[in-house]
């Protein structure tokens, strides 16, 4: 059984390493992010549920609505970041080791939530199955567990917010590490 929890967020990004001028220009999207959680148990609880949904989706909702929403997702080498830091009080900047493509966003969010679930009391009964990111009404992708596992080593080549279990920390805003 796979449970899905979806939230919408508004965020901007741009690419430094693209042949597409529109993608190299800072721009925003109304994104939809869906977390798929696989129930590993073989029977429902006494209330005929896997678990209360609010307990399963709380940290995902916080990550999407309190961290991603109204953030600038950026390559750590993006020169615009220094201007934003100097011109904006407490900018919401979320660094990526490379361009924040939809694929990269899905992988880093998968890693973040996989850490959260694997280090929780739910680790024996639930695990992240997929992350779906919809960038536009016509473009979306599913990052499956198999694909995530094939990329996991490259995700850890750089430390960052995606390797921390703390969802609500603002320590990575405006940080370039």
N, C-alpha and C. Protein backbone atom coordinates (compact mmCIF):
# COMPACT_ATOMS: atom_id res chain seq x y z
N UNK A 1 0.86 -1.17 0.00
CA UNK A 1 0.00 0.00 0.00
C UNK A 1 0.91 1.24 0.00
N UNK A 2 0.57 2.20 -0.86
CA UNK A 2 1.35 3.44 -0.93
C UNK A 2 0.42 4.61 -0.63
N UNK A 3 0.85 5.42 0.32
CA UNK A 3 0.10 6.62 0.68
C UNK A 3 0.76 7.80 0.00
N UNK A 4 -0.04 8.77 -0.43
CA UNK A 4 0.49 9.94 -1.11
C UNK A 4 0.02 11.21 -0.43
N UNK A 5 0.95 12.15 -0.26
CA UNK A 5 0.65 13.44 0.33
C UNK A 5 1.21 14.53 -0.57
N UNK A 6 0.34 15.41 -1.05
CA UNK A 6 0.73 16.45 -2.00
C UNK A 6 0.52 17.84 -1.43
N UNK A 7 1.48 18.71 -1.73
CA UNK A 7 1.38 20.11 -1.35
C UNK A 7 1.90 20.97 -2.49
N UNK A 8 1.40 22.17 -2.55
CA UNK A 8 1.81 23.14 -3.56
C UNK A 8 2.78 24.13 -2.93
N UNK A 9 3.75 24.59 -3.73
CA UNK A 9 4.62 25.66 -3.26
C UNK A 9 5.00 26.55 -4.43
N UNK A 10 5.29 27.78 -4.13
CA UNK A 10 5.76 28.75 -5.11
C UNK A 10 7.25 28.93 -4.86
N UNK A 11 8.05 28.81 -5.91
CA UNK A 11 9.49 28.98 -5.75
C UNK A 11 10.10 29.37 -7.08
N UNK A 12 11.24 30.03 -6.98
CA UNK A 12 12.00 30.44 -8.17
C UNK A 12 13.28 29.63 -8.24
N UNK A 13 13.82 29.57 -9.45
CA UNK A 13 15.13 28.94 -9.66
C UNK A 13 15.67 29.44 -11.00
N UNK A 14 16.89 29.09 -11.27
CA UNK A 14 17.48 29.31 -12.58
C UNK A 14 18.66 28.37 -12.71
N UNK A 15 19.08 28.16 -13.95
CA UNK A 15 20.20 27.27 -14.22
C UNK A 15 21.40 28.09 -14.68
N UNK A 16 22.56 27.71 -14.24
CA UNK A 16 23.80 28.30 -14.73
C UNK A 16 24.37 27.49 -15.89
N UNK A 17 24.02 26.21 -15.94
CA UNK A 17 24.60 25.30 -16.92
C UNK A 17 23.54 24.79 -17.88
N UNK A 18 22.98 25.68 -18.68
CA UNK A 18 21.93 25.30 -19.60
C UNK A 18 22.10 26.04 -20.92
N UNK A 19 21.64 25.43 -21.98
CA UNK A 19 21.65 26.09 -23.28
C UNK A 19 20.36 26.90 -23.48
N UNK A 20 19.43 26.73 -22.58
CA UNK A 20 18.13 27.39 -22.69
C UNK A 20 18.16 28.74 -21.97
N UNK A 21 18.01 29.82 -22.73
CA UNK A 21 18.00 31.16 -22.14
C UNK A 21 16.87 31.31 -21.12
N UNK A 22 15.65 30.84 -21.40
CA UNK A 22 14.60 30.96 -20.37
C UNK A 22 14.97 30.27 -19.06
N UNK A 23 15.66 29.14 -19.14
CA UNK A 23 16.05 28.42 -17.91
C UNK A 23 17.22 29.10 -17.20
N UNK A 24 17.99 29.90 -17.92
CA UNK A 24 19.11 30.63 -17.31
C UNK A 24 18.64 31.94 -16.68
N UNK A 25 17.41 32.33 -16.99
CA UNK A 25 16.82 33.54 -16.44
C UNK A 25 16.08 33.18 -15.16
N UNK A 26 16.26 33.91 -14.06
CA UNK A 26 15.49 33.59 -12.86
C UNK A 26 13.99 33.61 -13.17
N UNK A 27 13.33 32.55 -12.78
CA UNK A 27 11.90 32.43 -13.04
C UNK A 27 11.28 31.56 -11.95
N UNK A 28 9.98 31.65 -11.82
CA UNK A 28 9.28 30.89 -10.80
C UNK A 28 8.25 29.95 -11.38
N UNK A 29 7.83 29.03 -10.53
CA UNK A 29 6.80 28.07 -10.89
C UNK A 29 5.86 27.91 -9.70
N UNK A 30 4.67 27.45 -10.00
CA UNK A 30 3.79 26.88 -8.99
C UNK A 30 4.06 25.38 -9.06
N UNK A 31 4.79 24.89 -8.09
CA UNK A 31 5.21 23.49 -8.06
C UNK A 31 4.20 22.68 -7.24
N UNK A 32 4.08 21.43 -7.56
CA UNK A 32 3.33 20.47 -6.74
C UNK A 32 4.30 19.36 -6.37
N UNK A 33 4.38 19.05 -5.11
CA UNK A 33 5.28 18.02 -4.63
C UNK A 33 4.47 16.94 -3.92
N UNK A 34 4.67 15.71 -4.34
CA UNK A 34 3.95 14.58 -3.75
C UNK A 34 4.96 13.61 -3.16
N UNK A 35 4.73 13.24 -1.92
CA UNK A 35 5.52 12.22 -1.23
C UNK A 35 4.73 10.93 -1.25
N UNK A 36 5.33 9.87 -1.78
CA UNK A 36 4.73 8.55 -1.73
C UNK A 36 5.41 7.74 -0.63
N UNK A 37 4.62 7.22 0.28
CA UNK A 37 5.15 6.44 1.40
C UNK A 37 4.60 5.03 1.31
N UNK A 38 5.50 4.07 1.29
CA UNK A 38 5.10 2.67 1.23
C UNK A 38 4.87 2.13 2.64
N UNK A 39 3.71 1.51 2.82
CA UNK A 39 3.38 0.84 4.08
C UNK A 39 3.97 -0.55 4.01
N UNK A 40 4.88 -0.87 4.92
CA UNK A 40 5.59 -2.15 4.90
C UNK A 40 4.90 -3.21 5.76
N UNK A 41 3.89 -2.81 6.48
CA UNK A 41 3.17 -3.76 7.33
C UNK A 41 2.30 -4.70 6.53
N UNK A 42 1.75 -5.70 7.21
CA UNK A 42 0.89 -6.66 6.52
C UNK A 42 -0.55 -6.61 7.00
N UNK A 43 -0.84 -5.68 7.92
CA UNK A 43 -2.23 -5.50 8.33
C UNK A 43 -2.42 -4.10 8.90
N UNK A 44 -3.65 -3.63 8.82
CA UNK A 44 -4.00 -2.31 9.33
C UNK A 44 -4.09 -2.35 10.85
N UNK A 45 -4.03 -1.19 11.48
CA UNK A 45 -4.12 -1.15 12.94
C UNK A 45 -5.57 -1.35 13.40
N UNK A 46 -5.80 -1.25 14.67
CA UNK A 46 -7.15 -1.52 15.22
C UNK A 46 -8.18 -0.52 14.74
N UNK A 47 -7.74 0.60 14.20
CA UNK A 47 -8.65 1.60 13.64
C UNK A 47 -8.81 1.45 12.13
N UNK A 48 -8.33 0.33 11.61
CA UNK A 48 -8.38 0.06 10.16
C UNK A 48 -7.61 1.09 9.34
N UNK A 49 -6.47 1.50 9.90
CA UNK A 49 -5.60 2.47 9.22
C UNK A 49 -4.17 1.97 9.24
N UNK A 50 -3.35 2.54 8.35
CA UNK A 50 -1.91 2.28 8.45
C UNK A 50 -1.37 3.08 9.62
N UNK A 51 -1.78 4.32 9.69
CA UNK A 51 -1.47 5.25 10.78
C UNK A 51 -2.23 6.55 10.50
N UNK A 52 -2.44 7.35 11.52
CA UNK A 52 -3.07 8.65 11.30
C UNK A 52 -2.27 9.43 10.27
N UNK A 53 -2.93 9.94 9.25
CA UNK A 53 -2.24 10.67 8.19
C UNK A 53 -1.48 11.87 8.73
N UNK A 54 -2.04 12.54 9.72
CA UNK A 54 -1.36 13.75 10.23
C UNK A 54 0.02 13.42 10.76
N UNK A 55 0.19 12.24 11.35
CA UNK A 55 1.50 11.85 11.87
C UNK A 55 2.49 11.54 10.76
N UNK A 56 2.00 11.03 9.64
CA UNK A 56 2.88 10.67 8.53
C UNK A 56 3.29 11.87 7.68
N UNK A 57 2.40 12.83 7.55
CA UNK A 57 2.67 13.93 6.62
C UNK A 57 3.19 15.20 7.27
N UNK A 58 3.25 15.25 8.58
CA UNK A 58 3.61 16.49 9.28
C UNK A 58 4.94 17.08 8.81
N UNK A 59 5.99 16.28 8.78
CA UNK A 59 7.30 16.81 8.41
C UNK A 59 7.38 17.14 6.91
N UNK A 60 6.70 16.37 6.08
CA UNK A 60 6.65 16.66 4.66
C UNK A 60 5.96 18.01 4.41
N UNK A 61 4.84 18.20 5.07
CA UNK A 61 4.10 19.45 4.93
C UNK A 61 4.97 20.63 5.37
N UNK A 62 5.68 20.48 6.48
CA UNK A 62 6.56 21.55 6.97
C UNK A 62 7.67 21.84 5.97
N UNK A 63 8.28 20.80 5.42
CA UNK A 63 9.36 20.99 4.44
C UNK A 63 8.85 21.75 3.22
N UNK A 64 7.70 21.36 2.72
CA UNK A 64 7.19 21.99 1.50
C UNK A 64 6.66 23.39 1.78
N UNK A 65 5.83 23.54 2.80
CA UNK A 65 5.16 24.83 3.00
C UNK A 65 5.99 25.85 3.77
N UNK A 66 6.89 25.40 4.62
CA UNK A 66 7.66 26.35 5.43
C UNK A 66 9.10 26.55 4.94
N UNK A 67 9.62 25.62 4.14
CA UNK A 67 10.99 25.74 3.67
C UNK A 67 11.04 26.05 2.17
N UNK A 68 10.38 25.23 1.37
CA UNK A 68 10.42 25.43 -0.08
C UNK A 68 9.59 26.62 -0.55
N UNK A 69 8.44 26.81 0.05
CA UNK A 69 7.52 27.85 -0.43
C UNK A 69 8.17 29.23 -0.36
N UNK A 70 8.10 29.95 -1.44
CA UNK A 70 8.66 31.30 -1.59
C UNK A 70 10.17 31.34 -1.34
N UNK A 71 10.85 30.30 -1.78
CA UNK A 71 12.30 30.26 -1.70
C UNK A 71 12.90 30.40 -3.10
N UNK A 72 14.18 30.76 -3.12
CA UNK A 72 14.95 30.77 -4.36
C UNK A 72 15.86 29.55 -4.30
N UNK A 73 15.59 28.57 -5.16
CA UNK A 73 16.37 27.35 -5.23
C UNK A 73 17.53 27.65 -6.18
N UNK A 74 18.77 27.52 -5.67
CA UNK A 74 19.88 28.03 -6.47
C UNK A 74 21.11 27.13 -6.44
N UNK A 75 21.86 27.22 -7.51
CA UNK A 75 23.18 26.62 -7.62
C UNK A 75 24.08 27.37 -6.62
N UNK A 76 24.91 26.66 -5.88
CA UNK A 76 25.76 27.34 -4.89
C UNK A 76 26.70 28.36 -5.52
N UNK A 77 26.92 28.26 -6.81
CA UNK A 77 27.79 29.20 -7.50
C UNK A 77 27.05 30.35 -8.17
N UNK A 78 25.77 30.47 -7.93
CA UNK A 78 24.97 31.52 -8.57
C UNK A 78 25.36 32.89 -8.02
N UNK A 79 25.90 33.79 -8.85
CA UNK A 79 26.33 35.10 -8.36
C UNK A 79 25.18 36.00 -7.90
N UNK A 80 23.97 35.68 -8.29
CA UNK A 80 22.81 36.47 -7.85
C UNK A 80 22.61 36.37 -6.34
N UNK A 81 23.03 35.26 -5.77
CA UNK A 81 22.81 35.01 -4.34
C UNK A 81 23.42 36.12 -3.48
N UNK A 82 24.63 36.56 -3.81
CA UNK A 82 25.27 37.60 -3.01
C UNK A 82 24.47 38.90 -3.05
N UNK A 83 23.90 39.22 -4.18
CA UNK A 83 23.06 40.42 -4.30
C UNK A 83 21.80 40.25 -3.46
N UNK A 84 21.18 39.09 -3.54
CA UNK A 84 19.98 38.84 -2.73
C UNK A 84 20.27 38.95 -1.23
N UNK A 85 21.42 38.43 -0.83
CA UNK A 85 21.80 38.51 0.58
C UNK A 85 22.02 39.96 1.02
N UNK A 86 22.60 40.78 0.14
CA UNK A 86 22.89 42.16 0.52
C UNK A 86 21.66 43.06 0.43
N UNK A 87 20.69 42.68 -0.39
CA UNK A 87 19.52 43.55 -0.62
C UNK A 87 18.26 43.09 0.10
N UNK A 88 18.27 41.91 0.66
CA UNK A 88 17.07 41.34 1.26
C UNK A 88 17.35 40.90 2.69
N UNK A 89 16.48 41.30 3.60
CA UNK A 89 16.62 40.85 4.98
C UNK A 89 16.14 39.40 5.06
N UNK A 90 17.01 38.51 5.49
CA UNK A 90 16.71 37.09 5.68
C UNK A 90 16.11 36.45 4.43
N UNK A 91 16.84 36.46 3.30
CA UNK A 91 16.29 35.84 2.08
C UNK A 91 16.12 34.34 2.26
N UNK A 92 15.14 33.81 1.59
CA UNK A 92 14.88 32.37 1.63
C UNK A 92 15.62 31.73 0.46
N UNK A 93 16.83 31.34 0.71
CA UNK A 93 17.71 30.77 -0.31
C UNK A 93 17.98 29.31 0.02
N UNK A 94 17.74 28.45 -0.93
CA UNK A 94 17.96 27.02 -0.71
C UNK A 94 19.02 26.54 -1.70
N UNK A 95 20.25 26.33 -1.22
CA UNK A 95 21.36 25.99 -2.12
C UNK A 95 21.36 24.53 -2.57
N UNK A 96 21.80 24.33 -3.79
CA UNK A 96 22.02 23.01 -4.37
C UNK A 96 23.47 22.98 -4.86
N UNK A 97 24.12 21.82 -4.86
CA UNK A 97 25.51 21.74 -5.30
C UNK A 97 25.66 22.01 -6.80
N UNK A 98 24.58 21.86 -7.55
CA UNK A 98 24.55 22.14 -8.98
C UNK A 98 23.25 22.86 -9.29
N UNK A 99 22.87 22.89 -10.53
CA UNK A 99 21.62 23.55 -10.89
C UNK A 99 20.42 22.85 -10.25
N UNK A 100 19.46 23.63 -9.76
CA UNK A 100 18.27 23.06 -9.13
C UNK A 100 17.23 22.64 -10.18
N UNK A 101 17.58 21.62 -10.93
CA UNK A 101 16.65 21.07 -11.91
C UNK A 101 15.52 20.34 -11.19
N UNK A 102 14.47 20.06 -11.90
CA UNK A 102 13.37 19.30 -11.31
C UNK A 102 13.87 17.94 -10.85
N UNK A 103 14.77 17.35 -11.62
CA UNK A 103 15.35 16.05 -11.24
C UNK A 103 16.14 16.17 -9.94
N UNK A 104 16.97 17.20 -9.84
CA UNK A 104 17.77 17.40 -8.63
C UNK A 104 16.87 17.68 -7.43
N UNK A 105 15.87 18.49 -7.62
CA UNK A 105 14.95 18.80 -6.52
C UNK A 105 14.31 17.52 -6.00
N UNK A 106 13.86 16.66 -6.92
CA UNK A 106 13.22 15.41 -6.48
C UNK A 106 14.19 14.51 -5.73
N UNK A 107 15.43 14.41 -6.22
CA UNK A 107 16.42 13.56 -5.55
C UNK A 107 16.76 14.07 -4.15
N UNK A 108 16.97 15.38 -4.02
CA UNK A 108 17.34 15.92 -2.73
C UNK A 108 16.19 15.87 -1.73
N UNK A 109 14.95 16.07 -2.21
CA UNK A 109 13.80 15.92 -1.33
C UNK A 109 13.60 14.47 -0.93
N UNK A 110 13.84 13.55 -1.87
CA UNK A 110 13.74 12.12 -1.55
C UNK A 110 14.73 11.80 -0.44
N UNK A 111 15.97 12.26 -0.61
CA UNK A 111 16.99 11.98 0.40
C UNK A 111 16.59 12.52 1.77
N UNK A 112 16.11 13.76 1.78
CA UNK A 112 15.71 14.41 3.04
C UNK A 112 14.63 13.59 3.74
N UNK A 113 13.59 13.23 3.00
CA UNK A 113 12.49 12.49 3.62
C UNK A 113 12.88 11.05 3.94
N UNK A 114 13.74 10.46 3.15
CA UNK A 114 14.22 9.11 3.45
C UNK A 114 14.98 9.10 4.77
N UNK A 115 15.79 10.12 5.00
CA UNK A 115 16.49 10.24 6.28
C UNK A 115 15.51 10.39 7.44
N UNK A 116 14.53 11.25 7.23
CA UNK A 116 13.55 11.50 8.29
C UNK A 116 12.83 10.21 8.67
N UNK A 117 12.36 9.46 7.67
CA UNK A 117 11.63 8.23 7.97
C UNK A 117 12.54 7.13 8.50
N UNK A 118 13.73 6.99 7.94
CA UNK A 118 14.61 5.90 8.38
C UNK A 118 15.13 6.11 9.79
N UNK A 119 15.14 7.35 10.27
CA UNK A 119 15.62 7.61 11.62
C UNK A 119 14.48 7.90 12.60
N UNK A 120 13.28 7.49 12.24
CA UNK A 120 12.13 7.72 13.11
C UNK A 120 11.61 6.40 13.65
N UNK A 121 10.64 6.49 14.52
CA UNK A 121 10.00 5.28 15.06
C UNK A 121 9.13 4.60 14.01
N UNK A 122 8.99 5.18 12.84
CA UNK A 122 8.19 4.61 11.76
C UNK A 122 9.03 3.79 10.78
N UNK A 123 10.32 3.68 11.02
CA UNK A 123 11.24 3.07 10.04
C UNK A 123 10.93 1.60 9.74
N UNK A 124 10.31 0.91 10.66
CA UNK A 124 9.99 -0.50 10.44
C UNK A 124 8.70 -0.68 9.64
N UNK A 125 7.88 0.35 9.59
CA UNK A 125 6.57 0.22 8.94
C UNK A 125 6.37 1.06 7.70
N UNK A 126 7.21 2.09 7.52
CA UNK A 126 7.04 2.98 6.38
C UNK A 126 8.40 3.34 5.78
N UNK A 127 8.40 3.54 4.47
CA UNK A 127 9.60 4.07 3.81
C UNK A 127 9.15 4.89 2.60
N UNK A 128 10.01 5.79 2.21
CA UNK A 128 9.70 6.62 1.06
C UNK A 128 9.73 5.75 -0.19
N UNK A 129 8.68 5.83 -0.98
CA UNK A 129 8.55 5.06 -2.21
C UNK A 129 8.89 5.91 -3.43
N UNK A 130 8.43 7.16 -3.43
CA UNK A 130 8.70 8.05 -4.55
C UNK A 130 8.48 9.50 -4.14
N UNK A 131 9.03 10.38 -4.93
CA UNK A 131 8.73 11.81 -4.86
C UNK A 131 8.29 12.20 -6.26
N UNK A 132 7.16 12.86 -6.37
CA UNK A 132 6.70 13.39 -7.65
C UNK A 132 6.78 14.91 -7.57
N UNK A 133 7.41 15.50 -8.58
CA UNK A 133 7.48 16.95 -8.66
C UNK A 133 6.82 17.37 -9.97
N UNK A 134 5.83 18.23 -9.85
CA UNK A 134 5.20 18.81 -11.04
C UNK A 134 5.63 20.26 -11.12
N UNK A 135 6.38 20.58 -12.18
CA UNK A 135 6.95 21.90 -12.36
C UNK A 135 5.99 22.84 -13.08
N UNK A 136 5.27 22.30 -14.03
CA UNK A 136 4.27 23.06 -14.78
C UNK A 136 3.06 22.14 -14.98
N UNK A 137 1.97 22.66 -15.49
CA UNK A 137 0.82 21.77 -15.74
C UNK A 137 1.13 20.64 -16.72
N UNK A 138 2.17 20.79 -17.53
CA UNK A 138 2.49 19.75 -18.52
C UNK A 138 3.78 18.99 -18.24
N UNK A 139 4.56 19.38 -17.23
CA UNK A 139 5.85 18.73 -16.94
C UNK A 139 5.91 18.24 -15.50
N UNK A 140 6.14 16.95 -15.33
CA UNK A 140 6.33 16.40 -13.99
C UNK A 140 7.21 15.17 -14.09
N UNK A 141 7.71 14.73 -12.95
CA UNK A 141 8.48 13.49 -12.91
C UNK A 141 8.28 12.78 -11.59
N UNK A 142 8.47 11.47 -11.64
CA UNK A 142 8.46 10.62 -10.46
C UNK A 142 9.89 10.16 -10.21
N UNK A 143 10.40 10.43 -9.04
CA UNK A 143 11.69 9.89 -8.64
C UNK A 143 11.39 8.64 -7.82
N UNK A 144 11.68 7.48 -8.38
CA UNK A 144 11.38 6.22 -7.71
C UNK A 144 12.49 5.86 -6.71
N UNK A 145 12.19 4.96 -5.84
CA UNK A 145 13.17 4.52 -4.86
C UNK A 145 14.39 3.90 -5.55
N UNK A 146 14.17 3.08 -6.57
CA UNK A 146 15.29 2.46 -7.28
C UNK A 146 16.21 3.51 -7.89
N UNK A 147 15.63 4.53 -8.54
CA UNK A 147 16.47 5.56 -9.13
C UNK A 147 17.20 6.34 -8.05
N UNK A 148 16.50 6.68 -6.98
CA UNK A 148 17.14 7.38 -5.86
C UNK A 148 18.34 6.59 -5.34
N UNK A 149 18.16 5.30 -5.12
CA UNK A 149 19.26 4.48 -4.60
C UNK A 149 20.44 4.44 -5.57
N UNK A 150 20.17 4.49 -6.86
CA UNK A 150 21.27 4.49 -7.84
C UNK A 150 22.04 5.81 -7.84
N UNK A 151 21.43 6.87 -7.32
CA UNK A 151 22.04 8.20 -7.30
C UNK A 151 22.53 8.63 -5.92
N UNK A 152 22.23 7.85 -4.91
CA UNK A 152 22.47 8.26 -3.52
C UNK A 152 23.92 8.65 -3.25
N UNK A 153 24.86 7.90 -3.80
CA UNK A 153 26.27 8.21 -3.57
C UNK A 153 26.63 9.61 -4.07
N UNK A 154 26.13 9.97 -5.23
CA UNK A 154 26.44 11.30 -5.77
C UNK A 154 25.76 12.41 -4.97
N UNK A 155 24.64 12.12 -4.34
CA UNK A 155 23.96 13.11 -3.50
C UNK A 155 24.83 13.50 -2.32
N UNK A 156 25.57 12.52 -1.78
CA UNK A 156 26.38 12.76 -0.59
C UNK A 156 27.78 13.28 -0.89
N UNK A 157 28.07 13.57 -2.13
CA UNK A 157 29.37 14.17 -2.45
C UNK A 157 29.48 15.57 -1.86
N UNK A 158 28.35 16.20 -1.64
CA UNK A 158 28.30 17.53 -1.04
C UNK A 158 27.35 17.52 0.15
N UNK A 159 27.79 18.06 1.26
CA UNK A 159 26.91 18.16 2.42
C UNK A 159 25.99 19.35 2.24
N UNK A 160 24.84 19.28 2.86
CA UNK A 160 23.89 20.38 2.78
C UNK A 160 22.60 20.04 3.50
N UNK A 161 21.61 20.89 3.32
CA UNK A 161 20.32 20.73 4.00
C UNK A 161 19.70 19.36 3.74
N UNK A 162 19.97 18.76 2.59
CA UNK A 162 19.39 17.48 2.22
C UNK A 162 19.96 16.32 3.03
N UNK A 163 21.06 16.54 3.77
CA UNK A 163 21.65 15.47 4.59
C UNK A 163 21.32 15.64 6.08
N UNK A 164 20.53 16.65 6.40
CA UNK A 164 20.13 16.90 7.79
C UNK A 164 18.73 16.37 8.02
N UNK A 165 18.49 15.81 9.20
CA UNK A 165 17.15 15.31 9.51
C UNK A 165 16.24 16.42 10.03
N UNK A 166 16.81 17.52 10.47
CA UNK A 166 16.01 18.61 11.01
C UNK A 166 15.27 19.32 9.87
N UNK A 167 13.97 19.20 9.87
CA UNK A 167 13.14 19.80 8.82
C UNK A 167 12.99 21.30 9.04
N UNK A 168 12.78 21.71 10.26
CA UNK A 168 12.41 23.09 10.53
C UNK A 168 13.60 24.04 10.67
N UNK A 169 14.80 23.53 10.60
CA UNK A 169 15.98 24.38 10.74
C UNK A 169 16.06 25.40 9.62
N UNK A 170 16.40 26.60 9.95
CA UNK A 170 16.61 27.64 8.95
C UNK A 170 18.11 27.87 8.74
N UNK A 171 18.93 26.95 9.26
CA UNK A 171 20.38 27.14 9.20
C UNK A 171 20.89 27.15 7.77
N UNK A 172 20.16 26.54 6.85
CA UNK A 172 20.66 26.49 5.48
C UNK A 172 20.20 27.67 4.64
N UNK A 173 19.29 28.48 5.12
CA UNK A 173 18.89 29.67 4.36
C UNK A 173 20.07 30.62 4.26
N UNK A 174 20.32 31.04 3.06
CA UNK A 174 21.39 32.00 2.85
C UNK A 174 22.78 31.42 2.98
N UNK A 175 22.87 30.11 3.10
CA UNK A 175 24.17 29.46 3.27
C UNK A 175 24.66 28.96 1.93
N UNK A 176 25.94 28.98 1.75
CA UNK A 176 26.51 28.45 0.51
C UNK A 176 27.31 27.19 0.75
N UNK A 177 27.06 26.51 1.82
CA UNK A 177 27.81 25.26 2.05
C UNK A 177 26.92 24.06 1.91
